[in-house]
Amino acid sequence: MKRKMTRRSFVTHVAAAGAAMAAPGIKAMAQQTNRVRGFDHVALPMQNTDAMLAFYRSLGFDMRESAAAVSVYVGNQMINFHRPSRWQDASFTLRAPAAKPPCGDLCFVWDGTADALKAWLDGAKAKVIEGPVPRQGGRKANASSVYIRDPDGNLLEFMIYP
């Protein structure tokens, strides 16, 4: 015969389960595993190294340079722009074989107003080629987008969610 759980035993049971899940190495039951969670980085070939560095710096991105690439940080994600010496090296095979600048189409989420975005892009001397225009983004929600190009010709989209 099944015993009825008292309120006290229920609370004790829930508290114990919560403590167990909070222990190091224990994953929350609601968290899905063994699936793609998001992007870590994107890699693109770069042609005009000096112009690209100046452009992304003028936009205020955190950047790191190495002999092979320039890493541009966007929150917890990164864009690796491979230097010409890297992507033109036939021995470098960990890339799309036909990738040549410009081949990027990147969309960033802008956390501000359309007017603030315009001022920010104007400050970087970036020419708006379209927008603001209505779009639906990766969040499966309506947004507004503004488009520009970087010095290599990659398309950059800045999406503003309400």
N, C-alpha and C. Protein backbone atom coordinates (compact mmCIF):
# COMPACT_ATOMS: atom_id res chain seq x y z
N MET A 1 0.84 -1.17 0.00
CA MET A 1 0.00 0.00 0.00
C MET A 1 0.89 1.23 0.00
N LYS A 2 0.57 2.19 -0.88
CA LYS A 2 1.36 3.40 -1.02
C LYS A 2 1.05 4.37 0.10
N ARG A 3 2.10 4.90 0.71
CA ARG A 3 1.93 5.83 1.80
C ARG A 3 1.76 7.24 1.27
N LYS A 4 0.85 8.02 1.82
CA LYS A 4 0.63 9.39 1.41
C LYS A 4 1.79 10.25 1.90
N MET A 5 2.32 11.09 1.00
CA MET A 5 3.44 11.94 1.35
C MET A 5 2.91 13.17 2.10
N THR A 6 3.51 13.47 3.20
CA THR A 6 3.12 14.66 3.97
C THR A 6 3.78 15.88 3.36
N ARG A 7 3.26 17.04 3.70
CA ARG A 7 3.84 18.29 3.23
C ARG A 7 5.29 18.39 3.67
N ARG A 8 5.57 18.01 4.90
CA ARG A 8 6.93 18.08 5.45
C ARG A 8 7.87 17.16 4.66
N SER A 9 7.45 15.93 4.39
CA SER A 9 8.32 15.01 3.67
C SER A 9 8.51 15.46 2.22
N PHE A 10 7.47 16.06 1.61
CA PHE A 10 7.59 16.59 0.26
C PHE A 10 8.64 17.71 0.21
N VAL A 11 8.53 18.67 1.13
CA VAL A 11 9.49 19.78 1.17
C VAL A 11 10.90 19.25 1.42
N THR A 12 11.04 18.30 2.31
CA THR A 12 12.35 17.72 2.59
C THR A 12 12.91 17.04 1.35
N HIS A 13 12.07 16.31 0.63
CA HIS A 13 12.47 15.61 -0.59
C HIS A 13 12.92 16.61 -1.67
N VAL A 14 12.15 17.68 -1.87
CA VAL A 14 12.48 18.69 -2.87
C VAL A 14 13.78 19.40 -2.50
N ALA A 15 13.96 19.73 -1.23
CA ALA A 15 15.19 20.40 -0.79
C ALA A 15 16.40 19.50 -1.01
N ALA A 16 16.26 18.23 -0.73
CA ALA A 16 17.37 17.30 -0.93
C ALA A 16 17.71 17.17 -2.41
N ALA A 17 16.69 17.11 -3.26
CA ALA A 17 16.93 17.02 -4.71
C ALA A 17 17.61 18.28 -5.21
N GLY A 18 17.20 19.44 -4.72
CA GLY A 18 17.83 20.71 -5.11
C GLY A 18 19.28 20.76 -4.69
N ALA A 19 19.58 20.31 -3.49
CA ALA A 19 20.96 20.29 -3.00
C ALA A 19 21.81 19.35 -3.83
N ALA A 20 21.25 18.21 -4.22
CA ALA A 20 22.00 17.25 -5.02
C ALA A 20 22.31 17.82 -6.40
N MET A 21 21.35 18.52 -7.00
CA MET A 21 21.58 19.11 -8.32
C MET A 21 22.56 20.25 -8.26
N ALA A 22 22.67 20.93 -7.12
CA ALA A 22 23.59 22.05 -6.99
C ALA A 22 25.02 21.58 -6.75
N ALA A 23 25.19 20.31 -6.43
CA ALA A 23 26.53 19.77 -6.17
C ALA A 23 27.35 19.80 -7.45
N PRO A 24 28.67 20.03 -7.33
CA PRO A 24 29.52 20.06 -8.53
C PRO A 24 29.41 18.75 -9.31
N GLY A 25 29.37 18.89 -10.63
CA GLY A 25 29.33 17.71 -11.49
C GLY A 25 27.93 17.19 -11.75
N ILE A 26 26.91 17.70 -11.07
CA ILE A 26 25.53 17.26 -11.28
C ILE A 26 24.83 18.30 -12.15
N LYS A 27 24.24 17.85 -13.26
CA LYS A 27 23.55 18.76 -14.17
C LYS A 27 22.08 18.85 -13.78
N ALA A 28 21.51 20.03 -13.97
CA ALA A 28 20.10 20.22 -13.69
C ALA A 28 19.27 19.32 -14.59
N MET A 29 18.20 18.75 -14.04
CA MET A 29 17.36 17.83 -14.81
C MET A 29 16.74 18.50 -16.03
N ALA A 30 16.41 19.79 -15.94
CA ALA A 30 15.76 20.47 -17.04
C ALA A 30 16.73 20.81 -18.17
N GLN A 31 18.02 20.79 -17.90
CA GLN A 31 19.01 21.14 -18.91
C GLN A 31 19.20 19.99 -19.88
N GLN A 32 19.03 20.26 -21.16
CA GLN A 32 19.23 19.22 -22.16
C GLN A 32 20.72 19.07 -22.43
N THR A 33 21.14 17.86 -22.69
CA THR A 33 22.54 17.59 -23.01
C THR A 33 22.64 16.94 -24.37
N ASN A 34 23.85 16.79 -24.84
CA ASN A 34 24.12 16.15 -26.12
C ASN A 34 23.40 16.82 -27.27
N ARG A 35 23.52 18.14 -27.34
CA ARG A 35 22.93 18.91 -28.44
C ARG A 35 23.77 20.14 -28.68
N VAL A 36 23.60 20.76 -29.81
CA VAL A 36 24.31 22.01 -30.11
C VAL A 36 23.66 23.12 -29.29
N ARG A 37 24.45 23.84 -28.55
CA ARG A 37 23.95 24.89 -27.67
C ARG A 37 24.03 26.26 -28.31
N GLY A 38 24.96 26.47 -29.25
CA GLY A 38 25.12 27.78 -29.88
C GLY A 38 26.43 27.82 -30.66
N PHE A 39 26.81 29.01 -31.05
CA PHE A 39 28.07 29.21 -31.77
C PHE A 39 29.16 29.60 -30.79
N ASP A 40 30.36 29.10 -31.01
CA ASP A 40 31.52 29.55 -30.27
C ASP A 40 32.24 30.62 -31.09
N HIS A 41 32.49 30.30 -32.36
CA HIS A 41 33.12 31.28 -33.24
C HIS A 41 32.82 30.97 -34.70
N VAL A 42 33.08 31.96 -35.51
CA VAL A 42 32.97 31.86 -36.96
C VAL A 42 34.34 32.27 -37.50
N ALA A 43 34.79 31.66 -38.57
CA ALA A 43 36.07 32.03 -39.17
C ALA A 43 35.86 32.45 -40.62
N LEU A 44 36.48 33.56 -40.99
CA LEU A 44 36.37 34.09 -42.34
C LEU A 44 37.75 34.51 -42.83
N PRO A 45 38.01 34.39 -44.13
CA PRO A 45 39.26 34.90 -44.66
C PRO A 45 39.21 36.43 -44.72
N MET A 46 40.37 37.05 -44.55
CA MET A 46 40.47 38.51 -44.55
C MET A 46 41.48 38.91 -45.63
N GLN A 47 41.18 39.97 -46.38
CA GLN A 47 42.09 40.44 -47.42
C GLN A 47 42.82 41.71 -47.00
N ASN A 48 42.07 42.73 -46.59
CA ASN A 48 42.62 44.06 -46.29
C ASN A 48 42.88 44.19 -44.79
N THR A 49 43.95 43.59 -44.34
CA THR A 49 44.21 43.46 -42.90
C THR A 49 44.18 44.80 -42.17
N ASP A 50 44.93 45.79 -42.63
CA ASP A 50 45.00 47.07 -41.93
C ASP A 50 43.64 47.76 -41.87
N ALA A 51 42.92 47.77 -43.00
CA ALA A 51 41.60 48.41 -43.02
C ALA A 51 40.62 47.67 -42.12
N MET A 52 40.68 46.34 -42.12
CA MET A 52 39.78 45.55 -41.27
C MET A 52 40.06 45.80 -39.79
N LEU A 53 41.33 45.83 -39.41
CA LEU A 53 41.68 46.12 -38.02
C LEU A 53 41.16 47.48 -37.60
N ALA A 54 41.41 48.48 -38.43
CA ALA A 54 40.96 49.85 -38.10
C ALA A 54 39.43 49.91 -38.00
N PHE A 55 38.74 49.25 -38.91
CA PHE A 55 37.28 49.28 -38.92
C PHE A 55 36.69 48.65 -37.66
N TYR A 56 37.10 47.43 -37.35
CA TYR A 56 36.53 46.75 -36.18
C TYR A 56 36.95 47.42 -34.87
N ARG A 57 38.14 48.02 -34.85
CA ARG A 57 38.52 48.82 -33.67
C ARG A 57 37.63 50.05 -33.55
N SER A 58 37.32 50.70 -34.69
CA SER A 58 36.48 51.91 -34.64
C SER A 58 35.08 51.59 -34.14
N LEU A 59 34.65 50.34 -34.32
CA LEU A 59 33.35 49.92 -33.79
C LEU A 59 33.44 49.54 -32.32
N GLY A 60 34.65 49.50 -31.77
CA GLY A 60 34.83 49.25 -30.35
C GLY A 60 34.88 47.79 -29.94
N PHE A 61 35.07 46.89 -30.89
CA PHE A 61 35.15 45.47 -30.55
C PHE A 61 36.47 45.16 -29.85
N ASP A 62 36.43 44.24 -28.91
CA ASP A 62 37.63 43.73 -28.27
C ASP A 62 38.30 42.82 -29.30
N MET A 63 39.62 42.98 -29.47
CA MET A 63 40.32 42.23 -30.51
C MET A 63 41.62 41.66 -29.97
N ARG A 64 42.01 40.53 -30.53
CA ARG A 64 43.30 39.91 -30.24
C ARG A 64 43.92 39.53 -31.57
N GLU A 65 45.22 39.72 -31.68
CA GLU A 65 45.92 39.41 -32.93
C GLU A 65 46.91 38.27 -32.73
N SER A 66 47.03 37.46 -33.75
CA SER A 66 48.07 36.44 -33.81
C SER A 66 48.65 36.47 -35.21
N ALA A 67 49.67 35.68 -35.45
CA ALA A 67 50.27 35.64 -36.78
C ALA A 67 49.29 35.11 -37.82
N ALA A 68 48.37 34.24 -37.42
CA ALA A 68 47.45 33.61 -38.36
C ALA A 68 46.10 34.32 -38.50
N ALA A 69 45.67 35.01 -37.45
CA ALA A 69 44.30 35.55 -37.46
C ALA A 69 44.16 36.77 -36.56
N VAL A 70 43.06 37.47 -36.78
CA VAL A 70 42.63 38.53 -35.87
C VAL A 70 41.30 38.05 -35.30
N SER A 71 41.22 37.96 -33.99
CA SER A 71 39.99 37.52 -33.32
C SER A 71 39.23 38.74 -32.84
N VAL A 72 37.98 38.83 -33.26
CA VAL A 72 37.08 39.91 -32.87
C VAL A 72 36.04 39.30 -31.94
N TYR A 73 35.94 39.84 -30.72
CA TYR A 73 35.05 39.26 -29.72
C TYR A 73 33.72 40.00 -29.68
N VAL A 74 32.64 39.21 -29.68
CA VAL A 74 31.28 39.72 -29.62
C VAL A 74 30.62 38.99 -28.47
N GLY A 75 30.61 39.60 -27.28
CA GLY A 75 30.10 38.91 -26.11
C GLY A 75 30.94 37.69 -25.84
N ASN A 76 30.31 36.52 -25.76
CA ASN A 76 31.01 35.26 -25.52
C ASN A 76 31.35 34.52 -26.81
N GLN A 77 31.15 35.17 -27.94
CA GLN A 77 31.46 34.56 -29.22
C GLN A 77 32.62 35.30 -29.87
N MET A 78 33.14 34.71 -30.95
CA MET A 78 34.32 35.27 -31.58
C MET A 78 34.22 35.09 -33.09
N ILE A 79 34.78 36.06 -33.81
CA ILE A 79 34.97 35.95 -35.26
C ILE A 79 36.48 35.91 -35.46
N ASN A 80 36.97 34.86 -36.08
CA ASN A 80 38.38 34.79 -36.45
C ASN A 80 38.50 35.20 -37.91
N PHE A 81 39.19 36.30 -38.15
CA PHE A 81 39.50 36.70 -39.51
C PHE A 81 40.89 36.17 -39.83
N HIS A 82 40.96 35.17 -40.70
CA HIS A 82 42.25 34.60 -41.08
C HIS A 82 43.00 35.57 -41.99
N ARG A 83 44.25 35.80 -41.65
CA ARG A 83 45.10 36.67 -42.45
C ARG A 83 45.34 36.03 -43.83
N PRO A 84 45.62 36.86 -44.86
CA PRO A 84 45.86 36.30 -46.19
C PRO A 84 46.94 35.22 -46.20
N SER A 85 48.00 35.41 -45.44
CA SER A 85 49.07 34.41 -45.42
C SER A 85 48.56 33.06 -44.91
N ARG A 86 47.50 33.08 -44.12
CA ARG A 86 46.93 31.84 -43.58
C ARG A 86 45.98 31.18 -44.57
N TRP A 87 44.96 31.94 -45.03
CA TRP A 87 43.96 31.29 -45.87
C TRP A 87 44.46 31.00 -47.29
N GLN A 88 45.53 31.66 -47.71
CA GLN A 88 46.09 31.38 -49.03
C GLN A 88 47.13 30.26 -48.99
N ASP A 89 47.47 29.79 -47.81
CA ASP A 89 48.42 28.70 -47.64
C ASP A 89 47.73 27.37 -47.97
N ALA A 90 48.20 26.69 -49.01
CA ALA A 90 47.57 25.44 -49.46
C ALA A 90 47.58 24.35 -48.39
N SER A 91 48.51 24.45 -47.44
CA SER A 91 48.56 23.42 -46.39
C SER A 91 47.51 23.65 -45.30
N PHE A 92 46.88 24.82 -45.30
CA PHE A 92 45.83 25.12 -44.32
C PHE A 92 44.51 24.60 -44.87
N THR A 93 44.07 23.46 -44.38
CA THR A 93 42.88 22.81 -44.92
C THR A 93 41.67 22.87 -43.99
N LEU A 94 41.83 23.40 -42.80
CA LEU A 94 40.69 23.48 -41.87
C LEU A 94 39.90 24.77 -42.12
N ARG A 95 39.37 24.85 -43.33
CA ARG A 95 38.56 25.98 -43.76
C ARG A 95 37.72 25.54 -44.95
N ALA A 96 36.76 26.37 -45.32
CA ALA A 96 36.00 26.08 -46.53
C ALA A 96 36.93 26.25 -47.73
N PRO A 97 37.05 25.25 -48.59
CA PRO A 97 38.04 25.31 -49.67
C PRO A 97 37.87 26.46 -50.64
N ALA A 98 36.66 26.92 -50.87
CA ALA A 98 36.44 28.00 -51.84
C ALA A 98 36.28 29.37 -51.18
N ALA A 99 36.45 29.46 -49.88
CA ALA A 99 36.24 30.72 -49.18
C ALA A 99 37.30 31.75 -49.54
N LYS A 100 36.82 32.88 -50.04
CA LYS A 100 37.68 34.04 -50.35
C LYS A 100 36.90 35.28 -49.96
N PRO A 101 37.60 36.34 -49.54
CA PRO A 101 36.88 37.57 -49.18
C PRO A 101 36.17 38.16 -50.39
N PRO A 102 35.04 38.74 -50.26
CA PRO A 102 34.16 38.70 -49.09
C PRO A 102 33.23 37.50 -49.16
N CYS A 103 33.14 36.78 -48.09
CA CYS A 103 32.24 35.63 -48.06
C CYS A 103 31.39 35.61 -46.79
N GLY A 104 31.50 36.65 -45.97
CA GLY A 104 30.77 36.67 -44.71
C GLY A 104 29.48 37.44 -44.77
N ASP A 105 28.51 36.94 -44.05
CA ASP A 105 27.21 37.59 -43.85
C ASP A 105 26.91 37.39 -42.37
N LEU A 106 27.23 38.39 -41.57
CA LEU A 106 27.15 38.27 -40.11
C LEU A 106 26.04 39.15 -39.57
N CYS A 107 25.29 38.64 -38.62
CA CYS A 107 24.21 39.40 -37.99
C CYS A 107 24.50 39.52 -36.51
N PHE A 108 24.53 40.76 -36.03
CA PHE A 108 24.75 41.06 -34.62
C PHE A 108 23.45 41.56 -34.00
N VAL A 109 23.25 41.30 -32.72
CA VAL A 109 22.11 41.88 -32.00
C VAL A 109 22.57 43.20 -31.40
N TRP A 110 21.87 44.27 -31.73
CA TRP A 110 22.16 45.60 -31.18
C TRP A 110 21.29 45.80 -29.96
N ASP A 111 21.91 46.11 -28.85
CA ASP A 111 21.20 46.31 -27.58
C ASP A 111 21.03 47.80 -27.33
N GLY A 112 20.19 48.43 -28.12
CA GLY A 112 19.95 49.86 -28.00
C GLY A 112 18.94 50.29 -29.03
N THR A 113 18.83 51.58 -29.21
CA THR A 113 17.85 52.14 -30.13
C THR A 113 18.43 52.27 -31.54
N ALA A 114 17.53 52.47 -32.51
CA ALA A 114 17.96 52.68 -33.89
C ALA A 114 18.78 53.96 -34.00
N ASP A 115 18.39 55.00 -33.27
CA ASP A 115 19.14 56.26 -33.31
C ASP A 115 20.55 56.08 -32.74
N ALA A 116 20.67 55.32 -31.65
CA ALA A 116 21.99 55.07 -31.07
C ALA A 116 22.85 54.24 -32.02
N LEU A 117 22.25 53.28 -32.72
CA LEU A 117 22.98 52.48 -33.70
C LEU A 117 23.49 53.37 -34.82
N LYS A 118 22.62 54.24 -35.32
CA LYS A 118 23.02 55.15 -36.40
C LYS A 118 24.19 56.02 -35.96
N ALA A 119 24.12 56.56 -34.77
CA ALA A 119 25.21 57.41 -34.27
C ALA A 119 26.51 56.61 -34.14
N TRP A 120 26.40 55.37 -33.67
CA TRP A 120 27.57 54.51 -33.50
C TRP A 120 28.21 54.20 -34.85
N LEU A 121 27.38 53.86 -35.84
CA LEU A 121 27.89 53.56 -37.17
C LEU A 121 28.46 54.81 -37.83
N ASP A 122 27.80 55.95 -37.65
CA ASP A 122 28.32 57.21 -38.19
C ASP A 122 29.70 57.51 -37.59
N GLY A 123 29.85 57.25 -36.30
CA GLY A 123 31.13 57.48 -35.63
C GLY A 123 32.25 56.62 -36.19
N ALA A 124 31.89 55.47 -36.72
CA ALA A 124 32.87 54.56 -37.33
C ALA A 124 32.99 54.81 -38.83
N LYS A 125 32.27 55.81 -39.33
CA LYS A 125 32.24 56.13 -40.76
C LYS A 125 31.79 54.95 -41.61
N ALA A 126 30.84 54.19 -41.05
CA ALA A 126 30.27 53.04 -41.77
C ALA A 126 29.03 53.51 -42.52
N LYS A 127 28.97 53.21 -43.80
CA LYS A 127 27.84 53.62 -44.64
C LYS A 127 26.72 52.59 -44.55
N VAL A 128 25.54 53.04 -44.15
CA VAL A 128 24.37 52.17 -44.10
C VAL A 128 23.92 51.92 -45.54
N ILE A 129 23.80 50.64 -45.91
CA ILE A 129 23.37 50.30 -47.27
C ILE A 129 21.89 49.95 -47.33
N GLU A 130 21.31 49.61 -46.17
CA GLU A 130 19.87 49.39 -46.10
C GLU A 130 19.44 49.41 -44.65
N GLY A 131 18.25 49.95 -44.43
CA GLY A 131 17.66 49.91 -43.10
C GLY A 131 17.55 51.28 -42.46
N PRO A 132 16.82 51.25 -41.39
CA PRO A 132 16.20 50.10 -40.73
C PRO A 132 15.02 49.53 -41.53
N VAL A 133 14.99 48.19 -41.56
CA VAL A 133 13.93 47.45 -42.24
C VAL A 133 13.45 46.34 -41.32
N PRO A 134 12.16 45.97 -41.41
CA PRO A 134 11.65 44.89 -40.55
C PRO A 134 12.20 43.54 -40.98
N ARG A 135 12.55 42.73 -40.00
CA ARG A 135 13.07 41.39 -40.23
C ARG A 135 12.61 40.47 -39.11
N GLN A 136 12.68 39.18 -39.35
CA GLN A 136 12.50 38.21 -38.28
C GLN A 136 13.85 37.54 -38.06
N GLY A 137 14.27 37.49 -36.81
CA GLY A 137 15.61 36.99 -36.52
C GLY A 137 15.64 35.61 -35.91
N GLY A 138 16.82 35.24 -35.47
CA GLY A 138 17.06 33.94 -34.88
C GLY A 138 16.30 33.69 -33.60
N ARG A 139 15.83 34.74 -32.98
CA ARG A 139 15.03 34.58 -31.76
C ARG A 139 13.57 34.28 -32.08
N LYS A 140 13.28 34.09 -33.37
CA LYS A 140 11.92 33.81 -33.83
C LYS A 140 10.97 34.92 -33.42
N ALA A 141 11.46 36.14 -33.52
CA ALA A 141 10.68 37.31 -33.16
C ALA A 141 10.95 38.41 -34.18
N ASN A 142 10.00 39.33 -34.31
CA ASN A 142 10.16 40.46 -35.21
C ASN A 142 11.20 41.42 -34.67
N ALA A 143 11.92 42.03 -35.59
CA ALA A 143 12.98 42.96 -35.23
C ALA A 143 13.13 43.97 -36.36
N SER A 144 14.12 44.83 -36.21
CA SER A 144 14.47 45.82 -37.21
C SER A 144 15.95 45.67 -37.50
N SER A 145 16.35 45.73 -38.77
CA SER A 145 17.75 45.51 -39.13
C SER A 145 18.32 46.68 -39.93
N VAL A 146 19.61 46.89 -39.73
CA VAL A 146 20.40 47.87 -40.46
C VAL A 146 21.60 47.12 -41.02
N TYR A 147 21.94 47.39 -42.29
CA TYR A 147 23.01 46.68 -42.97
C TYR A 147 24.13 47.62 -43.38
N ILE A 148 25.38 47.14 -43.20
CA ILE A 148 26.58 47.85 -43.66
C ILE A 148 27.53 46.80 -44.24
N ARG A 149 28.66 47.26 -44.78
CA ARG A 149 29.72 46.35 -45.23
C ARG A 149 31.03 46.74 -44.55
N ASP A 150 31.85 45.74 -44.25
CA ASP A 150 33.17 46.03 -43.70
C ASP A 150 34.14 46.27 -44.86
N PRO A 151 35.38 46.65 -44.58
CA PRO A 151 36.32 46.97 -45.68
C PRO A 151 36.57 45.83 -46.67
N ASP A 152 36.41 44.58 -46.28
CA ASP A 152 36.55 43.47 -47.22
C ASP A 152 35.28 43.22 -48.02
N GLY A 153 34.18 43.85 -47.66
CA GLY A 153 32.92 43.67 -48.36
C GLY A 153 31.97 42.70 -47.70
N ASN A 154 32.33 42.14 -46.54
CA ASN A 154 31.41 41.27 -45.81
C ASN A 154 30.18 42.07 -45.40
N LEU A 155 29.02 41.44 -45.44
CA LEU A 155 27.78 42.08 -45.03
C LEU A 155 27.62 41.95 -43.52
N LEU A 156 27.38 43.07 -42.87
CA LEU A 156 27.12 43.08 -41.43
C LEU A 156 25.71 43.60 -41.21
N GLU A 157 24.94 42.84 -40.47
CA GLU A 157 23.57 43.21 -40.13
C GLU A 157 23.51 43.46 -38.63
N PHE A 158 22.84 44.52 -38.24
CA PHE A 158 22.62 44.82 -36.83
C PHE A 158 21.13 44.76 -36.58
N MET A 159 20.72 43.80 -35.77
CA MET A 159 19.30 43.54 -35.52
C MET A 159 18.90 44.10 -34.16
N ILE A 160 17.78 44.82 -34.17
CA ILE A 160 17.26 45.42 -32.95
C ILE A 160 15.92 44.75 -32.64
N TYR A 161 15.88 44.05 -31.49
CA TYR A 161 14.62 43.45 -31.04
C TYR A 161 13.92 44.44 -30.10
N PRO A 162 12.57 44.46 -30.18
CA PRO A 162 11.84 45.38 -29.28
C PRO A 162 11.99 44.99 -27.82
